[in-house]
Amino acid sequence: MSRFEKWAVFGTAFLTGLTGIGLLWTKYLLTSDDPWSVVNHPLQPLFLKAHILAAPALIFALGMITFRHIWAHYREGLPRGRRSGIVTALVSIPMVASGYLIQVVTAPGWLRFVAVLHIVTSGLFLLGLAAHQLAMRERAARNGLERRSRIGVRWGASEPGDGVDADSGAEIMAGKR
């Protein structure tokens, strides 16, 4: 994945997750003092609107990496991060579908089911994405693949210049380099 793709996926996942957690907190975990209030907390509408704005950006970012990263690595059978990547990719499907269904389902029973499905799959997605990132970093460190810090310092190579970029790790694993 390119740096832009990484920033797009992790940045939008962070924003969408943060706004989703805020919405979960204000809508389901807090209770209003006013029995006639439609919202439980003054920030609830803000979290909802921010979540609705952030989620399509996450879906776009996931779509952007679907063929070049997810499908390509699945097809080539790369072992690095395979389990966490597959779980994260698969759980994103019901997460996205339930996110759209929440906005159109009106029957209270179905709405509750879809909301619970969305909350559970979103939590699994965020945990899976974090696990995938940790698995990739751990395996790269174990295999001696180098990584660059934000300021360009190389990590993981025994001597400057003898390592490889972390972005090319997939090429090495696939035997292309």
N, C-alpha and C. Protein backbone atom coordinates (compact mmCIF):
# COMPACT_ATOMS: atom_id res chain seq x y z
N MET A 1 0.85 -1.18 0.00
CA MET A 1 0.00 0.00 0.00
C MET A 1 0.89 1.23 0.00
N SER A 2 0.44 2.25 -0.70
CA SER A 2 1.17 3.51 -0.70
C SER A 2 0.93 4.24 0.62
N ARG A 3 1.75 5.24 0.87
CA ARG A 3 1.56 6.02 2.10
C ARG A 3 0.19 6.69 2.11
N PHE A 4 -0.22 7.20 0.95
CA PHE A 4 -1.53 7.84 0.87
C PHE A 4 -2.64 6.85 1.23
N GLU A 5 -2.55 5.64 0.69
CA GLU A 5 -3.56 4.62 0.98
C GLU A 5 -3.58 4.27 2.47
N LYS A 6 -2.39 4.15 3.07
CA LYS A 6 -2.32 3.86 4.51
C LYS A 6 -2.96 4.98 5.31
N TRP A 7 -2.60 6.21 4.99
CA TRP A 7 -3.18 7.35 5.70
C TRP A 7 -4.68 7.41 5.49
N ALA A 8 -5.13 7.13 4.27
CA ALA A 8 -6.56 7.18 3.98
C ALA A 8 -7.31 6.13 4.79
N VAL A 9 -6.82 4.90 4.79
CA VAL A 9 -7.51 3.83 5.51
C VAL A 9 -7.47 4.06 7.02
N PHE A 10 -6.28 4.28 7.56
CA PHE A 10 -6.17 4.41 9.01
C PHE A 10 -6.76 5.73 9.51
N GLY A 11 -6.61 6.79 8.75
CA GLY A 11 -7.19 8.08 9.15
C GLY A 11 -8.70 8.06 9.16
N THR A 12 -9.29 7.52 8.09
CA THR A 12 -10.75 7.47 8.04
C THR A 12 -11.31 6.44 9.03
N ALA A 13 -10.58 5.34 9.24
CA ALA A 13 -11.02 4.36 10.24
C ALA A 13 -10.99 4.98 11.63
N PHE A 14 -9.95 5.77 11.91
CA PHE A 14 -9.86 6.43 13.21
C PHE A 14 -11.00 7.42 13.40
N LEU A 15 -11.24 8.27 12.39
CA LEU A 15 -12.31 9.26 12.50
C LEU A 15 -13.69 8.61 12.60
N THR A 16 -13.91 7.61 11.77
CA THR A 16 -15.21 6.92 11.80
C THR A 16 -15.39 6.18 13.12
N GLY A 17 -14.34 5.52 13.59
CA GLY A 17 -14.42 4.83 14.87
C GLY A 17 -14.64 5.78 16.03
N LEU A 18 -13.92 6.89 16.03
CA LEU A 18 -14.05 7.88 17.10
C LEU A 18 -15.47 8.46 17.15
N THR A 19 -15.99 8.83 15.99
CA THR A 19 -17.34 9.39 15.95
C THR A 19 -18.38 8.32 16.28
N GLY A 20 -18.12 7.08 15.87
CA GLY A 20 -19.03 5.98 16.21
C GLY A 20 -19.06 5.70 17.70
N ILE A 21 -17.89 5.71 18.33
CA ILE A 21 -17.83 5.51 19.78
C ILE A 21 -18.52 6.66 20.50
N GLY A 22 -18.31 7.88 20.01
CA GLY A 22 -19.00 9.03 20.59
C GLY A 22 -20.51 8.92 20.46
N LEU A 23 -20.96 8.47 19.30
CA LEU A 23 -22.40 8.29 19.08
C LEU A 23 -22.95 7.18 19.98
N LEU A 24 -22.23 6.08 20.07
CA LEU A 24 -22.63 4.98 20.95
C LEU A 24 -22.74 5.46 22.40
N TRP A 25 -21.77 6.22 22.83
CA TRP A 25 -21.75 6.74 24.21
C TRP A 25 -22.94 7.67 24.46
N THR A 26 -23.16 8.63 23.55
CA THR A 26 -24.22 9.61 23.80
C THR A 26 -25.62 9.04 23.57
N LYS A 27 -25.75 8.08 22.68
CA LYS A 27 -27.09 7.56 22.36
C LYS A 27 -27.53 6.41 23.27
N TYR A 28 -26.60 5.51 23.58
CA TYR A 28 -27.00 4.30 24.30
C TYR A 28 -26.52 4.24 25.74
N LEU A 29 -25.47 4.93 26.10
CA LEU A 29 -24.92 4.80 27.44
C LEU A 29 -25.31 5.94 28.38
N LEU A 30 -25.77 7.05 27.84
CA LEU A 30 -26.21 8.18 28.66
C LEU A 30 -27.74 8.24 28.66
N THR A 31 -28.30 8.76 29.72
CA THR A 31 -29.74 8.99 29.77
C THR A 31 -30.00 10.46 30.04
N SER A 32 -31.02 10.98 29.43
CA SER A 32 -31.37 12.39 29.57
C SER A 32 -32.21 12.60 30.83
N ASP A 33 -32.05 13.77 31.43
CA ASP A 33 -32.89 14.14 32.58
C ASP A 33 -34.31 14.47 32.14
N ASP A 34 -34.44 14.90 30.89
CA ASP A 34 -35.74 15.29 30.34
C ASP A 34 -36.40 14.07 29.69
N PRO A 35 -37.52 13.60 30.21
CA PRO A 35 -38.17 12.42 29.63
C PRO A 35 -38.71 12.67 28.22
N TRP A 36 -38.87 13.92 27.80
CA TRP A 36 -39.40 14.24 26.48
C TRP A 36 -38.30 14.55 25.47
N SER A 37 -37.06 14.46 25.88
CA SER A 37 -35.95 14.79 25.00
C SER A 37 -35.75 13.70 23.94
N VAL A 38 -35.45 14.13 22.73
CA VAL A 38 -35.19 13.20 21.63
C VAL A 38 -33.74 12.72 21.68
N VAL A 39 -32.85 13.55 22.20
CA VAL A 39 -31.43 13.19 22.30
C VAL A 39 -31.04 13.06 23.77
N ASN A 40 -30.07 12.20 24.03
CA ASN A 40 -29.62 11.98 25.41
C ASN A 40 -28.54 12.97 25.84
N HIS A 41 -27.86 13.55 24.89
CA HIS A 41 -26.75 14.46 25.19
C HIS A 41 -26.67 15.50 24.07
N PRO A 42 -26.29 16.73 24.38
CA PRO A 42 -26.20 17.76 23.34
C PRO A 42 -25.22 17.43 22.21
N LEU A 43 -24.22 16.58 22.48
CA LEU A 43 -23.25 16.22 21.43
C LEU A 43 -23.73 15.09 20.52
N GLN A 44 -24.83 14.43 20.87
CA GLN A 44 -25.31 13.30 20.08
C GLN A 44 -25.54 13.65 18.61
N PRO A 45 -26.23 14.75 18.27
CA PRO A 45 -26.41 15.08 16.85
C PRO A 45 -25.08 15.38 16.14
N LEU A 46 -24.14 15.99 16.85
CA LEU A 46 -22.83 16.28 16.26
C LEU A 46 -22.08 14.99 15.94
N PHE A 47 -22.08 14.04 16.88
CA PHE A 47 -21.43 12.75 16.62
C PHE A 47 -22.10 12.02 15.46
N LEU A 48 -23.42 12.07 15.39
CA LEU A 48 -24.14 11.41 14.30
C LEU A 48 -23.77 12.01 12.95
N LYS A 49 -23.79 13.34 12.86
CA LYS A 49 -23.46 13.99 11.59
C LYS A 49 -22.01 13.75 11.20
N ALA A 50 -21.11 13.82 12.18
CA ALA A 50 -19.69 13.57 11.89
C ALA A 50 -19.48 12.13 11.44
N HIS A 51 -20.20 11.19 12.04
CA HIS A 51 -20.08 9.78 11.67
C HIS A 51 -20.60 9.55 10.25
N ILE A 52 -21.71 10.19 9.93
CA ILE A 52 -22.28 10.06 8.59
C ILE A 52 -21.38 10.69 7.53
N LEU A 53 -20.61 11.70 7.90
CA LEU A 53 -19.65 12.29 6.96
C LEU A 53 -18.37 11.47 6.85
N ALA A 54 -17.91 10.89 7.95
CA ALA A 54 -16.64 10.15 7.95
C ALA A 54 -16.78 8.76 7.32
N ALA A 55 -17.91 8.10 7.52
CA ALA A 55 -18.08 6.72 7.06
C ALA A 55 -17.93 6.56 5.54
N PRO A 56 -18.51 7.42 4.70
CA PRO A 56 -18.29 7.25 3.26
C PRO A 56 -16.82 7.40 2.86
N ALA A 57 -16.07 8.23 3.58
CA ALA A 57 -14.64 8.36 3.29
C ALA A 57 -13.92 7.05 3.61
N LEU A 58 -14.33 6.37 4.69
CA LEU A 58 -13.75 5.07 5.02
C LEU A 58 -14.10 4.05 3.94
N ILE A 59 -15.33 4.05 3.50
CA ILE A 59 -15.75 3.12 2.45
C ILE A 59 -14.96 3.37 1.17
N PHE A 60 -14.74 4.64 0.83
CA PHE A 60 -13.93 4.99 -0.34
C PHE A 60 -12.50 4.47 -0.16
N ALA A 61 -11.92 4.67 1.03
CA ALA A 61 -10.55 4.22 1.29
C ALA A 61 -10.45 2.70 1.19
N LEU A 62 -11.44 2.00 1.71
CA LEU A 62 -11.44 0.53 1.60
C LEU A 62 -11.57 0.09 0.15
N GLY A 63 -12.41 0.79 -0.60
CA GLY A 63 -12.54 0.48 -2.02
C GLY A 63 -11.25 0.74 -2.77
N MET A 64 -10.52 1.76 -2.36
CA MET A 64 -9.27 2.13 -3.01
C MET A 64 -8.22 1.02 -2.86
N ILE A 65 -8.22 0.30 -1.74
CA ILE A 65 -7.20 -0.73 -1.52
C ILE A 65 -7.70 -2.14 -1.82
N THR A 66 -8.94 -2.27 -2.24
CA THR A 66 -9.51 -3.60 -2.43
C THR A 66 -8.73 -4.45 -3.44
N PHE A 67 -8.45 -3.94 -4.62
CA PHE A 67 -7.81 -4.77 -5.64
C PHE A 67 -6.29 -4.78 -5.53
N ARG A 68 -5.68 -3.64 -5.25
CA ARG A 68 -4.22 -3.59 -5.20
C ARG A 68 -3.65 -4.21 -3.94
N HIS A 69 -4.38 -4.20 -2.86
CA HIS A 69 -3.84 -4.73 -1.60
C HIS A 69 -4.59 -5.99 -1.16
N ILE A 70 -5.87 -5.87 -0.89
CA ILE A 70 -6.62 -6.99 -0.30
C ILE A 70 -6.69 -8.17 -1.26
N TRP A 71 -7.22 -7.95 -2.45
CA TRP A 71 -7.41 -9.05 -3.39
C TRP A 71 -6.07 -9.59 -3.90
N ALA A 72 -5.11 -8.70 -4.17
CA ALA A 72 -3.81 -9.14 -4.67
C ALA A 72 -3.09 -10.02 -3.64
N HIS A 73 -3.10 -9.62 -2.39
CA HIS A 73 -2.43 -10.42 -1.35
C HIS A 73 -3.18 -11.72 -1.08
N TYR A 74 -4.50 -11.69 -1.16
CA TYR A 74 -5.27 -12.92 -0.98
C TYR A 74 -4.99 -13.90 -2.11
N ARG A 75 -5.00 -13.40 -3.34
CA ARG A 75 -4.78 -14.24 -4.51
C ARG A 75 -3.38 -14.85 -4.52
N GLU A 76 -2.37 -14.07 -4.10
CA GLU A 76 -0.99 -14.56 -4.09
C GLU A 76 -0.70 -15.45 -2.90
N GLY A 77 -1.60 -15.48 -1.93
CA GLY A 77 -1.41 -16.34 -0.77
C GLY A 77 -0.31 -15.89 0.17
N LEU A 78 -0.09 -14.59 0.24
CA LEU A 78 0.96 -14.08 1.13
C LEU A 78 0.62 -14.39 2.58
N PRO A 79 1.56 -14.97 3.32
CA PRO A 79 1.26 -15.34 4.70
C PRO A 79 1.25 -14.16 5.67
N ARG A 80 1.94 -13.08 5.32
CA ARG A 80 2.09 -11.93 6.22
C ARG A 80 0.76 -11.25 6.48
N GLY A 81 0.25 -11.33 7.70
CA GLY A 81 -0.99 -10.65 8.07
C GLY A 81 -2.23 -11.22 7.42
N ARG A 82 -2.14 -12.45 6.93
CA ARG A 82 -3.24 -13.03 6.16
C ARG A 82 -4.52 -13.20 6.98
N ARG A 83 -4.41 -13.83 8.15
CA ARG A 83 -5.62 -14.08 8.95
C ARG A 83 -6.29 -12.79 9.39
N SER A 84 -5.51 -11.87 9.94
CA SER A 84 -6.11 -10.62 10.41
C SER A 84 -6.65 -9.80 9.24
N GLY A 85 -5.99 -9.87 8.10
CA GLY A 85 -6.47 -9.15 6.92
C GLY A 85 -7.77 -9.71 6.38
N ILE A 86 -7.86 -11.03 6.32
CA ILE A 86 -9.08 -11.67 5.82
C ILE A 86 -10.26 -11.38 6.75
N VAL A 87 -10.04 -11.52 8.05
CA VAL A 87 -11.11 -11.25 9.02
C VAL A 87 -11.57 -9.81 8.91
N THR A 88 -10.63 -8.88 8.84
CA THR A 88 -10.98 -7.46 8.74
C THR A 88 -11.73 -7.17 7.46
N ALA A 89 -11.28 -7.74 6.35
CA ALA A 89 -11.96 -7.51 5.07
C ALA A 89 -13.37 -8.09 5.09
N LEU A 90 -13.51 -9.29 5.61
CA LEU A 90 -14.84 -9.92 5.62
C LEU A 90 -15.81 -9.22 6.56
N VAL A 91 -15.33 -8.77 7.71
CA VAL A 91 -16.23 -8.12 8.67
C VAL A 91 -16.63 -6.72 8.18
N SER A 92 -15.87 -6.17 7.25
CA SER A 92 -16.23 -4.84 6.72
C SER A 92 -17.51 -4.89 5.89
N ILE A 93 -17.82 -6.04 5.31
CA ILE A 93 -19.01 -6.15 4.46
C ILE A 93 -20.30 -5.96 5.28
N PRO A 94 -20.52 -6.74 6.35
CA PRO A 94 -21.74 -6.48 7.14
C PRO A 94 -21.70 -5.14 7.87
N MET A 95 -20.49 -4.65 8.18
CA MET A 95 -20.39 -3.34 8.83
C MET A 95 -20.94 -2.25 7.90
N VAL A 96 -20.51 -2.26 6.65
CA VAL A 96 -20.96 -1.25 5.69
C VAL A 96 -22.45 -1.43 5.39
N ALA A 97 -22.87 -2.67 5.14
CA ALA A 97 -24.28 -2.93 4.82
C ALA A 97 -25.20 -2.50 5.97
N SER A 98 -24.82 -2.84 7.19
CA SER A 98 -25.67 -2.46 8.33
C SER A 98 -25.66 -0.96 8.56
N GLY A 99 -24.54 -0.30 8.24
CA GLY A 99 -24.49 1.16 8.36
C GLY A 99 -25.49 1.83 7.44
N TYR A 100 -25.61 1.31 6.22
CA TYR A 100 -26.61 1.86 5.31
C TYR A 100 -28.03 1.49 5.75
N LEU A 101 -28.22 0.25 6.20
CA LEU A 101 -29.55 -0.18 6.60
C LEU A 101 -30.08 0.58 7.81
N ILE A 102 -29.21 0.99 8.72
CA ILE A 102 -29.65 1.77 9.89
C ILE A 102 -30.41 3.01 9.44
N GLN A 103 -30.02 3.57 8.32
CA GLN A 103 -30.61 4.81 7.85
C GLN A 103 -31.96 4.62 7.17
N VAL A 104 -32.30 3.39 6.79
CA VAL A 104 -33.55 3.19 6.05
C VAL A 104 -34.55 2.26 6.72
N VAL A 105 -34.10 1.42 7.65
CA VAL A 105 -35.01 0.49 8.33
C VAL A 105 -35.85 1.27 9.34
N THR A 106 -37.16 1.01 9.34
CA THR A 106 -38.05 1.74 10.25
C THR A 106 -38.70 0.86 11.31
N ALA A 107 -38.80 -0.43 11.09
CA ALA A 107 -39.41 -1.33 12.08
C ALA A 107 -38.50 -1.41 13.31
N PRO A 108 -39.03 -1.14 14.50
CA PRO A 108 -38.19 -1.08 15.71
C PRO A 108 -37.36 -2.35 15.97
N GLY A 109 -37.94 -3.51 15.78
CA GLY A 109 -37.21 -4.76 16.01
C GLY A 109 -36.04 -4.93 15.06
N TRP A 110 -36.30 -4.70 13.77
CA TRP A 110 -35.25 -4.80 12.76
C TRP A 110 -34.19 -3.72 12.95
N LEU A 111 -34.63 -2.53 13.33
CA LEU A 111 -33.68 -1.43 13.54
C LEU A 111 -32.73 -1.77 14.70
N ARG A 112 -33.26 -2.34 15.75
CA ARG A 112 -32.42 -2.74 16.89
C ARG A 112 -31.43 -3.81 16.45
N PHE A 113 -31.90 -4.81 15.67
CA PHE A 113 -31.02 -5.87 15.18
C PHE A 113 -29.90 -5.29 14.32
N VAL A 114 -30.26 -4.42 13.39
CA VAL A 114 -29.27 -3.83 12.48
C VAL A 114 -28.28 -2.96 13.25
N ALA A 115 -28.78 -2.22 14.25
CA ALA A 115 -27.89 -1.37 15.06
C ALA A 115 -26.89 -2.22 15.84
N VAL A 116 -27.36 -3.30 16.45
CA VAL A 116 -26.46 -4.19 17.20
C VAL A 116 -25.46 -4.83 16.24
N LEU A 117 -25.92 -5.28 15.08
CA LEU A 117 -25.02 -5.84 14.08
C LEU A 117 -23.95 -4.83 13.68
N HIS A 118 -24.35 -3.59 13.47
CA HIS A 118 -23.40 -2.54 13.08
C HIS A 118 -22.38 -2.26 14.19
N ILE A 119 -22.85 -2.19 15.41
CA ILE A 119 -21.94 -1.93 16.53
C ILE A 119 -20.93 -3.07 16.70
N VAL A 120 -21.42 -4.30 16.63
CA VAL A 120 -20.53 -5.47 16.81
C VAL A 120 -19.53 -5.57 15.66
N THR A 121 -20.01 -5.47 14.42
CA THR A 121 -19.09 -5.60 13.29
C THR A 121 -18.11 -4.43 13.21
N SER A 122 -18.55 -3.25 13.61
CA SER A 122 -17.64 -2.10 13.62
C SER A 122 -16.54 -2.28 14.66
N GLY A 123 -16.91 -2.79 15.82
CA GLY A 123 -15.91 -3.08 16.84
C GLY A 123 -14.92 -4.13 16.38
N LEU A 124 -15.44 -5.19 15.74
CA LEU A 124 -14.56 -6.23 15.20
C LEU A 124 -13.66 -5.69 14.10
N PHE A 125 -14.20 -4.79 13.27
CA PHE A 125 -13.40 -4.19 12.21
C PHE A 125 -12.24 -3.39 12.80
N LEU A 126 -12.53 -2.55 13.79
CA LEU A 126 -11.47 -1.74 14.39
C LEU A 126 -10.43 -2.61 15.09
N LEU A 127 -10.87 -3.63 15.80
CA LEU A 127 -9.93 -4.55 16.44
C LEU A 127 -9.12 -5.32 15.39
N GLY A 128 -9.79 -5.76 14.33
CA GLY A 128 -9.10 -6.48 13.26
C GLY A 128 -8.08 -5.61 12.55
N LEU A 129 -8.43 -4.36 12.30
CA LEU A 129 -7.49 -3.44 11.65
C LEU A 129 -6.27 -3.21 12.53
N ALA A 130 -6.49 -3.03 13.83
CA ALA A 130 -5.37 -2.86 14.76
C ALA A 130 -4.52 -4.13 14.82
N ALA A 131 -5.17 -5.29 14.88
CA ALA A 131 -4.44 -6.56 14.92
C ALA A 131 -3.65 -6.77 13.63
N HIS A 132 -4.23 -6.39 12.50
CA HIS A 132 -3.55 -6.52 11.21
C HIS A 132 -2.29 -5.65 11.19
N GLN A 133 -2.42 -4.43 11.66
CA GLN A 133 -1.26 -3.53 11.69
C GLN A 133 -0.18 -4.07 12.61
N LEU A 134 -0.57 -4.56 13.78
CA LEU A 134 0.41 -5.13 14.72
C LEU A 134 1.07 -6.37 14.15
N ALA A 135 0.30 -7.23 13.50
CA ALA A 135 0.86 -8.44 12.89
C ALA A 135 1.86 -8.08 11.80
N MET A 136 1.54 -7.07 11.01
CA MET A 136 2.45 -6.67 9.94
C MET A 136 3.75 -6.11 10.51
N ARG A 137 3.64 -5.28 11.52
CA ARG A 137 4.86 -4.71 12.13
C ARG A 137 5.70 -5.80 12.80
N GLU A 138 5.04 -6.71 13.50
CA GLU A 138 5.76 -7.78 14.19
C GLU A 138 6.49 -8.67 13.20
N ARG A 139 5.81 -9.07 12.15
CA ARG A 139 6.43 -9.95 11.17
C ARG A 139 7.55 -9.24 10.42
N ALA A 140 7.35 -7.96 10.11
CA ALA A 140 8.40 -7.19 9.44
C ALA A 140 9.64 -7.10 10.33
N ALA A 141 9.44 -6.88 11.62
CA ALA A 141 10.57 -6.80 12.55
C ALA A 141 11.26 -8.16 12.67
N ARG A 142 10.48 -9.21 12.69
CA ARG A 142 11.04 -10.56 12.80
C ARG A 142 11.84 -10.94 11.56
N ASN A 143 11.38 -10.52 10.40
CA ASN A 143 12.06 -10.85 9.15
C ASN A 143 13.16 -9.86 8.79
N GLY A 144 13.35 -8.85 9.63
CA GLY A 144 14.42 -7.89 9.38
C GLY A 144 14.08 -6.88 8.31
N LEU A 145 12.81 -6.75 7.97
CA LEU A 145 12.43 -5.75 6.98
C LEU A 145 12.55 -4.38 7.62
N GLU A 146 13.02 -3.44 6.88
CA GLU A 146 13.23 -2.11 7.44
C GLU A 146 11.97 -1.28 7.38
N ARG A 147 11.91 -0.34 8.23
CA ARG A 147 10.79 0.59 8.30
C ARG A 147 11.36 1.98 8.47
N ARG A 148 10.73 2.97 7.89
CA ARG A 148 11.20 4.34 8.04
C ARG A 148 10.29 5.08 9.01
N SER A 149 10.90 5.89 9.83
CA SER A 149 10.11 6.73 10.72
C SER A 149 9.62 7.93 9.94
N ARG A 150 8.82 8.78 10.59
CA ARG A 150 8.29 9.96 9.91
C ARG A 150 9.38 10.91 9.45
N ILE A 151 10.53 10.91 10.12
CA ILE A 151 11.58 11.85 9.74
C ILE A 151 12.63 11.21 8.84
N GLY A 152 12.37 10.02 8.36
CA GLY A 152 13.24 9.38 7.39
C GLY A 152 14.33 8.50 7.98
N VAL A 153 14.34 8.28 9.28
CA VAL A 153 15.33 7.40 9.90
C VAL A 153 14.94 5.97 9.60
N ARG A 154 15.90 5.17 9.19
CA ARG A 154 15.62 3.79 8.82
C ARG A 154 15.70 2.89 10.05
N TRP A 155 14.74 2.02 10.19
CA TRP A 155 14.69 1.09 11.31
C TRP A 155 14.73 -0.33 10.77
N GLY A 156 15.37 -1.22 11.47
CA GLY A 156 15.31 -2.63 11.12
C GLY A 156 16.45 -3.13 10.28
N ALA A 157 17.20 -2.27 9.64
CA ALA A 157 18.33 -2.70 8.84
C ALA A 157 19.57 -2.69 9.73
N SER A 158 20.47 -3.69 9.54
CA SER A 158 21.64 -3.74 10.40
C SER A 158 22.62 -2.63 10.06
N GLU A 159 22.67 -2.22 8.80
CA GLU A 159 23.51 -1.11 8.41
C GLU A 159 22.72 -0.22 7.47
N PRO A 160 22.99 1.08 7.49
CA PRO A 160 22.25 1.97 6.59
C PRO A 160 22.40 1.52 5.14
N GLY A 161 21.27 1.43 4.48
CA GLY A 161 21.28 1.11 3.05
C GLY A 161 21.15 -0.35 2.72
N ASP A 162 21.20 -1.28 3.72
CA ASP A 162 21.13 -2.69 3.36
C ASP A 162 19.73 -3.27 3.55
N GLY A 163 18.77 -2.45 3.90
CA GLY A 163 17.42 -2.93 4.11
C GLY A 163 16.54 -2.67 2.90
N VAL A 164 15.26 -2.83 3.10
CA VAL A 164 14.29 -2.57 2.06
C VAL A 164 13.19 -1.72 2.65
N ASP A 165 12.43 -1.05 1.82
CA ASP A 165 11.31 -0.28 2.32
C ASP A 165 10.22 -1.21 2.81
N ALA A 166 9.51 -0.78 3.83
CA ALA A 166 8.40 -1.58 4.35
C ALA A 166 7.33 -1.78 3.29
N ASP A 167 7.19 -0.79 2.38
CA ASP A 167 6.19 -0.91 1.33
C ASP A 167 6.52 -2.02 0.34
N SER A 168 7.80 -2.40 0.23
CA SER A 168 8.16 -3.42 -0.73
C SER A 168 8.21 -4.81 -0.10
N GLY A 169 7.81 -4.93 1.16
CA GLY A 169 7.82 -6.22 1.83
C GLY A 169 6.96 -7.25 1.14
N ALA A 170 5.83 -6.82 0.60
CA ALA A 170 4.95 -7.75 -0.11
C ALA A 170 5.63 -8.28 -1.37
N GLU A 171 6.39 -7.42 -2.04
CA GLU A 171 7.10 -7.86 -3.24
C GLU A 171 8.16 -8.89 -2.90
N ILE A 172 8.84 -8.69 -1.78
CA ILE A 172 9.86 -9.64 -1.35
C ILE A 172 9.22 -10.97 -1.01
N MET A 173 8.12 -10.92 -0.25
CA MET A 173 7.44 -12.15 0.14
C MET A 173 6.91 -12.90 -1.08
N ALA A 174 6.53 -12.17 -2.12
CA ALA A 174 5.99 -12.80 -3.32
C ALA A 174 7.09 -13.22 -4.28
N GLY A 175 8.36 -12.94 -3.93
CA GLY A 175 9.48 -13.32 -4.78
C GLY A 175 9.67 -12.42 -5.98
N LYS A 176 9.10 -11.21 -5.96
CA LYS A 176 9.23 -10.30 -7.09
C LYS A 176 10.48 -9.44 -6.99
N ARG A 177 11.14 -9.45 -5.83
CA ARG A 177 12.33 -8.62 -5.65
C ARG A 177 13.48 -9.41 -5.14
